[in-house]
Amino acid sequence: MVRTRILRHYGAVVLLMIAVALAYYAAARLGLTLRVSVEGAIVTPLWPPTGIALAALLWFGLRVWPGIALGTLFVILAITPFRPHVLGILAGNTLAPVVAYLMLRRVGFRPQLDRLRDGLALVFLGALAGMLISATAASLVLTASGQITPDDFWPVWSAWWTGDAMGVLVITPLLLVARRIRWPVGVPLARWAEAAALLLSTAAVARVSTTSAASLLFLVFPLLVWAALRFELRGTAPCVLVVSVLAISAATDHAGPFAGHSLLAVMGTLQALNGSVALTGLLLSAIVTEQRSIRRRIEQACAELEDVVDRLIPEGAAGRWRPPEDLGG
């Protein structure tokens, strides 16, 4: 009986690893549709697998890391024939989300993202710091293998790092909030209409601002403020994804504000926009959620205090009692 339970446990873990590997690979295939070549290296402005990998670690713990490694191997084999040096890229892409997860766990990160400190931790530890590992490992491997020259190291490194970091900033919050979403009961029709209007408006404004020759990229930020104030992370995460995907599509087509510029200039503008959008949406929604949570706790404490006072004061005495400052006049 005990042996059967052990076998079932390990079987479930293996299935979980396979599911993570398949999700990683599927997200990579989607990400590669918007790939670009930077100094001969294939990179993407938004690499969704890193967001999936970190979310899986936050949900299931370190036991799923072999699934991340397996998914990375599948992706590498789909792009290039296997060579010994690709093991360095595999190790970097696996180690980066693992280290990011360990740093987040160290600082007490909560996947609910209901505190400003959680948003800051995801940005600076999960995305910016953690993804340094994958970018550095890949750039060193490509340089050592002769696929890029030493002069191309930093352009490739920066593009790889920003792509991995954007995967965490855009995809991880979306997955974390999606897991907690339940079908709302008793939500007014006007609320549904507002949510639909927000998403459609974000898509329309993002489409216009990323394809127009005029400098209109800033128009997306009022919509992110609307999403955070009214719907918190549930509203900002989908809006950030929509803006990022449309901006990447326009950048790869060299349309709108991305036309007539070099690849490095296009990548710089794109990553500045996507990073600003993700930071604004994530941090503002975290602030709003934290403030509302504090307000609910204060209201609950006041209600409990009122109940205590009602039990301590004899029945009928509350109406005859006056504050001390009103006595002796």
Protein backbone atom coordinates (compact mmCIF):
# COMPACT_ATOMS: atom_id res chain seq x y z
CA MET A 1 0.00 0.00 0.00
CA VAL A 2 2.77 2.42 0.95
CA ARG A 3 4.70 1.47 -2.18
CA THR A 4 1.64 2.17 -4.32
CA ARG A 5 1.25 5.64 -2.81
CA ILE A 6 4.93 6.38 -3.42
CA LEU A 7 4.65 5.29 -7.04
CA ARG A 8 1.55 7.44 -7.51
CA HIS A 9 3.34 10.41 -5.96
CA TYR A 10 6.35 10.10 -8.25
CA GLY A 11 4.08 9.48 -11.21
CA ALA A 12 2.22 12.70 -10.49
CA VAL A 13 5.50 14.61 -10.21
CA VAL A 14 6.71 13.23 -13.55
CA LEU A 15 3.43 14.19 -15.22
CA LEU A 16 3.75 17.67 -13.73
CA MET A 17 7.27 18.00 -15.12
CA ILE A 18 6.09 16.92 -18.56
CA ALA A 19 3.22 19.43 -18.42
CA VAL A 20 5.64 22.23 -17.54
CA ALA A 21 7.98 21.18 -20.37
CA LEU A 22 5.12 21.18 -22.89
CA ALA A 23 3.84 24.55 -21.69
CA TYR A 24 7.38 25.96 -21.91
CA TYR A 25 7.81 24.63 -25.44
CA ALA A 26 4.39 25.86 -26.63
CA ALA A 27 5.07 29.34 -25.22
CA ALA A 28 8.47 29.35 -26.91
CA ARG A 29 6.92 28.54 -30.28
CA LEU A 30 4.59 31.51 -29.86
CA GLY A 31 7.45 33.75 -28.78
CA LEU A 32 9.57 32.74 -31.77
CA THR A 33 6.94 34.08 -34.16
CA LEU A 34 8.17 37.56 -33.18
CA ARG A 35 11.88 36.76 -33.12
CA VAL A 36 14.58 39.03 -34.46
CA SER A 37 18.23 38.51 -35.27
CA VAL A 38 20.67 40.61 -33.24
CA GLU A 39 24.23 40.30 -34.54
CA GLY A 40 23.45 36.80 -35.81
CA ALA A 41 21.80 35.57 -32.59
CA ILE A 42 18.07 34.79 -32.50
CA VAL A 43 16.33 36.67 -29.67
CA THR A 44 12.78 37.76 -28.93
CA PRO A 45 11.66 41.07 -27.36
CA LEU A 46 9.26 39.07 -25.18
CA TRP A 47 10.19 35.52 -24.15
CA PRO A 48 7.05 33.97 -22.56
CA PRO A 49 8.73 30.73 -21.34
CA THR A 50 10.57 32.59 -18.57
CA GLY A 51 7.26 33.84 -17.21
CA ILE A 52 5.78 30.34 -17.37
CA ALA A 53 8.85 28.83 -15.70
CA LEU A 54 8.79 31.26 -12.78
CA ALA A 55 5.03 30.90 -12.32
CA ALA A 56 5.37 27.10 -12.28
CA LEU A 57 8.07 27.32 -9.62
CA LEU A 58 5.93 29.67 -7.51
CA TRP A 59 3.01 27.25 -7.75
CA PHE A 60 4.69 23.85 -7.42
CA GLY A 61 8.16 24.50 -5.98
CA LEU A 62 11.60 23.33 -7.07
CA ARG A 63 10.39 19.86 -8.01
CA VAL A 64 9.40 21.13 -11.49
CA TRP A 65 12.85 22.40 -12.50
CA PRO A 66 13.58 19.29 -14.63
CA GLY A 67 10.49 20.19 -16.66
CA ILE A 68 11.95 23.63 -17.32
CA ALA A 69 15.23 22.06 -18.44
CA LEU A 70 13.40 19.59 -20.68
CA GLY A 71 11.32 22.35 -22.25
CA THR A 72 14.46 24.40 -22.88
CA LEU A 73 16.10 21.42 -24.57
CA PHE A 74 13.07 20.95 -26.84
CA VAL A 75 13.23 24.61 -27.86
CA ILE A 76 16.97 24.52 -28.59
CA LEU A 77 16.61 21.39 -30.72
CA ALA A 78 13.77 23.03 -32.64
CA ILE A 79 16.00 25.98 -33.55
CA THR A 80 19.44 24.44 -34.10
CA PRO A 81 21.11 21.03 -34.24
CA PHE A 82 22.45 19.79 -30.94
CA ARG A 83 26.02 20.78 -30.15
CA PRO A 84 27.82 20.47 -26.81
CA HIS A 85 27.91 24.24 -26.27
CA VAL A 86 24.10 24.46 -26.16
CA LEU A 87 24.26 22.80 -22.75
CA GLY A 88 25.50 26.13 -21.41
CA ILE A 89 22.41 27.90 -22.77
CA LEU A 90 20.23 25.14 -21.34
CA ALA A 91 21.85 25.52 -17.93
CA GLY A 92 21.47 29.31 -17.98
CA ASN A 93 17.81 29.22 -19.05
CA THR A 94 17.04 26.67 -16.34
CA LEU A 95 19.05 28.29 -13.58
CA ALA A 96 17.70 31.82 -14.13
CA PRO A 97 14.06 31.16 -13.08
CA VAL A 98 15.22 28.84 -10.29
CA VAL A 99 17.46 31.54 -8.79
CA ALA A 100 14.71 34.12 -9.27
CA TYR A 101 12.29 31.84 -7.39
CA LEU A 102 14.75 31.29 -4.54
CA MET A 103 15.33 35.04 -4.17
CA LEU A 104 11.58 35.73 -4.15
CA ARG A 105 11.01 33.03 -1.54
CA ARG A 106 13.84 34.47 0.53
CA VAL A 107 12.12 37.88 0.79
CA GLY A 108 8.69 36.42 1.57
CA PHE A 109 7.10 37.00 -1.83
CA ARG A 110 3.36 36.30 -1.99
CA PRO A 111 1.94 35.16 -5.37
CA GLN A 112 -1.22 37.14 -4.65
CA LEU A 113 0.76 40.32 -5.50
CA ASP A 114 -1.38 42.23 -3.02
CA ARG A 115 1.48 44.29 -1.58
CA LEU A 116 3.79 46.85 -3.09
CA ARG A 117 6.79 44.91 -1.79
CA ASP A 118 5.64 41.87 -3.80
CA GLY A 119 5.48 43.93 -6.97
CA LEU A 120 8.91 45.42 -6.35
CA ALA A 121 10.35 41.98 -5.57
CA LEU A 122 8.99 40.51 -8.81
CA VAL A 123 10.41 43.42 -10.81
CA PHE A 124 13.88 43.71 -9.30
CA LEU A 125 14.56 40.14 -8.13
CA GLY A 126 12.41 37.99 -10.38
CA ALA A 127 12.88 39.89 -13.64
CA LEU A 128 15.86 42.22 -13.61
CA ALA A 129 18.24 40.30 -11.35
CA GLY A 130 17.23 36.70 -12.02
CA MET A 131 17.37 36.98 -15.80
CA LEU A 132 20.96 38.24 -15.70
CA ILE A 133 21.97 34.60 -15.43
CA SER A 134 20.35 33.39 -18.65
CA ALA A 135 21.52 36.40 -20.66
CA THR A 136 25.09 36.14 -19.41
CA ALA A 137 25.32 32.38 -19.90
CA ALA A 138 23.90 32.52 -23.43
CA SER A 139 26.11 35.42 -24.52
CA LEU A 140 29.24 33.77 -23.14
CA VAL A 141 28.39 30.48 -24.84
CA LEU A 142 27.70 32.14 -28.19
CA THR A 143 30.94 34.11 -27.96
CA ALA A 144 33.03 31.12 -26.93
CA SER A 145 31.57 28.98 -29.73
CA GLY A 146 32.34 31.65 -32.33
CA GLN A 147 28.72 32.31 -33.28
CA ILE A 148 29.09 35.97 -32.32
CA THR A 149 32.18 38.15 -32.04
CA PRO A 150 33.33 39.70 -28.76
CA ASP A 151 32.18 43.08 -30.09
CA ASP A 152 28.64 41.69 -30.38
CA PHE A 153 28.56 40.42 -26.82
CA TRP A 154 26.77 43.38 -25.23
CA PRO A 155 24.12 43.93 -27.93
CA VAL A 156 23.19 40.24 -27.76
CA TRP A 157 23.37 40.23 -23.98
CA SER A 158 21.06 43.25 -23.61
CA ALA A 159 18.52 41.89 -26.10
CA TRP A 160 18.51 38.46 -24.41
CA TRP A 161 18.20 39.95 -20.94
CA THR A 162 15.36 42.31 -21.80
CA GLY A 163 13.44 39.56 -23.60
CA ASP A 164 13.69 37.21 -20.60
CA ALA A 165 12.90 40.00 -18.14
CA MET A 166 9.83 41.05 -20.12
CA GLY A 167 8.63 37.45 -20.07
CA VAL A 168 8.61 37.62 -16.27
CA LEU A 169 7.07 41.10 -16.09
CA VAL A 170 4.29 40.39 -18.57
CA ILE A 171 3.50 36.66 -18.35
CA THR A 172 4.10 35.78 -14.68
CA PRO A 173 1.60 38.29 -13.20
CA LEU A 174 -0.97 37.24 -15.81
CA LEU A 175 -0.64 33.57 -14.86
CA LEU A 176 -0.63 34.27 -11.12
CA VAL A 177 -3.84 36.29 -11.30
CA ALA A 178 -5.47 33.88 -13.78
CA ARG A 179 -5.13 30.99 -11.34
CA ARG A 180 -7.10 32.89 -8.69
CA ILE A 181 -9.90 34.09 -10.95
CA ARG A 182 -13.29 32.62 -10.16
CA TRP A 183 -16.50 33.21 -12.04
CA PRO A 184 -17.97 36.27 -10.28
CA VAL A 185 -21.47 35.99 -8.90
CA GLY A 186 -23.81 38.96 -8.75
CA VAL A 187 -21.56 41.29 -10.73
CA PRO A 188 -23.62 44.13 -12.25
CA LEU A 189 -23.91 44.26 -16.01
CA ALA A 190 -22.33 47.71 -15.97
CA ARG A 191 -19.18 46.20 -14.45
CA TRP A 192 -18.91 43.69 -17.27
CA ALA A 193 -19.47 46.47 -19.80
CA GLU A 194 -16.72 48.55 -18.22
CA ALA A 195 -14.26 45.65 -18.32
CA ALA A 196 -15.03 44.99 -21.98
CA ALA A 197 -14.72 48.69 -22.80
CA LEU A 198 -11.36 48.81 -21.03
CA LEU A 199 -9.92 45.86 -22.96
CA LEU A 200 -11.24 47.05 -26.32
CA SER A 201 -10.06 50.60 -25.69
CA THR A 202 -6.60 49.37 -24.74
CA ALA A 203 -6.33 47.28 -27.90
CA ALA A 204 -7.56 50.15 -30.10
CA VAL A 205 -5.32 52.80 -28.54
CA ALA A 206 -2.29 50.48 -28.53
CA ARG A 207 -2.87 49.64 -32.18
CA VAL A 208 -3.10 53.29 -33.20
CA SER A 209 -0.18 54.46 -31.06
CA THR A 210 2.17 51.71 -32.29
CA THR A 211 1.35 52.10 -35.99
CA SER A 212 1.02 55.88 -36.24
CA ALA A 213 4.02 57.89 -37.37
CA ALA A 214 3.21 60.45 -34.66
CA SER A 215 4.68 59.96 -31.19
CA LEU A 216 1.54 58.65 -29.46
CA LEU A 217 2.95 55.78 -27.39
CA PHE A 218 2.16 57.63 -24.13
CA LEU A 219 -1.60 57.30 -24.78
CA VAL A 220 -1.65 53.78 -23.35
CA PHE A 221 -0.76 54.89 -19.83
CA PRO A 222 -4.12 56.47 -18.86
CA LEU A 223 -5.75 53.15 -19.75
CA LEU A 224 -3.35 51.31 -17.44
CA VAL A 225 -4.27 53.72 -14.64
CA TRP A 226 -7.96 53.04 -15.33
CA ALA A 227 -7.32 49.27 -15.24
CA ALA A 228 -5.38 49.42 -11.96
CA LEU A 229 -7.83 51.70 -10.13
CA ARG A 230 -10.94 49.81 -11.18
CA PHE A 231 -9.83 46.18 -11.60
CA GLU A 232 -6.40 45.93 -9.92
CA LEU A 233 -4.08 43.23 -11.32
CA ARG A 234 -6.99 41.38 -12.94
CA GLY A 235 -7.39 44.35 -15.24
CA THR A 236 -3.81 45.51 -15.73
CA ALA A 237 -2.24 42.12 -16.54
CA PRO A 238 -4.32 41.52 -19.72
CA CYS A 239 -3.90 45.15 -20.79
CA VAL A 240 -0.12 44.97 -20.40
CA LEU A 241 -0.06 41.80 -22.51
CA VAL A 242 -2.15 43.42 -25.26
CA VAL A 243 0.04 46.52 -25.40
CA SER A 244 3.27 44.51 -25.40
CA VAL A 245 2.18 42.14 -28.17
CA LEU A 246 0.95 44.96 -30.42
CA ALA A 247 4.11 46.98 -29.80
CA ILE A 248 6.34 44.00 -30.63
CA SER A 249 4.35 43.33 -33.79
CA ALA A 250 4.75 46.94 -34.92
CA ALA A 251 8.47 46.94 -34.06
CA THR A 252 9.22 43.77 -36.01
CA ASP A 253 7.35 45.24 -39.00
CA HIS A 254 9.20 48.57 -38.58
CA ALA A 255 5.86 50.39 -38.56
CA GLY A 256 4.81 53.66 -36.96
CA PRO A 257 7.34 55.14 -34.51
CA PHE A 258 9.69 52.20 -35.19
CA ALA A 259 10.10 52.99 -38.91
CA GLY A 260 13.36 54.31 -40.30
CA HIS A 261 15.52 53.34 -37.32
CA SER A 262 18.29 50.82 -36.84
CA LEU A 263 17.58 47.50 -35.17
CA LEU A 264 19.26 48.57 -31.93
CA ALA A 265 17.25 51.81 -31.85
CA VAL A 266 14.03 49.90 -32.49
CA MET A 267 14.83 47.40 -29.74
CA GLY A 268 15.69 50.19 -27.33
CA THR A 269 12.42 52.04 -27.96
CA LEU A 270 10.41 48.84 -27.79
CA GLN A 271 11.91 47.65 -24.52
CA ALA A 272 11.58 51.10 -22.96
CA LEU A 273 7.87 51.11 -23.84
CA ASN A 274 7.21 47.53 -22.74
CA GLY A 275 9.18 47.95 -19.54
CA SER A 276 7.40 51.17 -18.62
CA VAL A 277 4.00 49.64 -19.37
CA ALA A 278 4.71 46.53 -17.30
CA LEU A 279 6.16 48.47 -14.36
CA THR A 280 3.30 50.98 -14.34
CA GLY A 281 0.60 48.34 -14.46
CA LEU A 282 2.18 45.95 -11.97
CA LEU A 283 3.27 48.44 -9.32
CA LEU A 284 0.16 50.64 -9.50
CA SER A 285 -2.16 47.68 -9.20
CA ALA A 286 -0.13 46.36 -6.26
CA ILE A 287 -0.44 49.74 -4.51
CA VAL A 288 -4.21 49.87 -5.10
CA THR A 289 -4.67 46.30 -3.87
CA GLU A 290 -2.59 46.93 -0.75
CA GLN A 291 -4.47 50.13 0.12
CA ARG A 292 -7.85 48.45 -0.29
CA SER A 293 -6.70 45.53 1.83
CA ILE A 294 -5.59 47.93 4.58
CA ARG A 295 -8.93 49.72 4.43
CA ARG A 296 -10.83 46.43 4.75
CA ARG A 297 -8.75 45.43 7.77
CA ILE A 298 -9.37 48.81 9.42
CA GLU A 299 -13.11 48.55 8.81
CA GLN A 300 -13.11 45.03 10.22
CA ALA A 301 -11.18 46.16 13.30
CA CYS A 302 -13.64 49.03 13.85
CA ALA A 303 -16.58 46.64 13.57
CA GLU A 304 -14.99 44.26 16.09
CA LEU A 305 -14.27 47.17 18.45
CA GLU A 306 -17.87 48.30 18.19
CA ASP A 307 -19.04 44.81 19.13
CA VAL A 308 -16.72 44.81 22.15
CA VAL A 309 -18.03 48.20 23.30
CA ASP A 310 -21.62 47.02 22.91
CA ARG A 311 -20.91 44.01 25.13
CA LEU A 312 -19.10 46.05 27.81
CA ILE A 313 -21.66 48.85 28.17
CA PRO A 314 -24.87 47.78 29.93
CA GLU A 315 -28.02 47.78 27.86
CA GLY A 316 -29.58 51.25 27.77
CA ALA A 317 -26.50 52.95 29.25
CA ALA A 318 -25.04 53.88 25.91
CA GLY A 319 -27.74 56.47 25.32
CA ARG A 320 -27.11 58.16 28.70
CA TRP A 321 -23.32 58.19 28.43
CA ARG A 322 -21.56 61.36 27.36
CA PRO A 323 -17.87 61.91 26.54
CA PRO A 324 -15.83 63.41 29.45
CA GLU A 325 -15.23 66.66 27.60
CA ASP A 326 -18.96 67.41 27.65
CA LEU A 327 -19.22 67.07 31.47
CA GLY A 328 -18.76 69.82 33.99
CA GLY A 329 -19.73 72.62 31.64
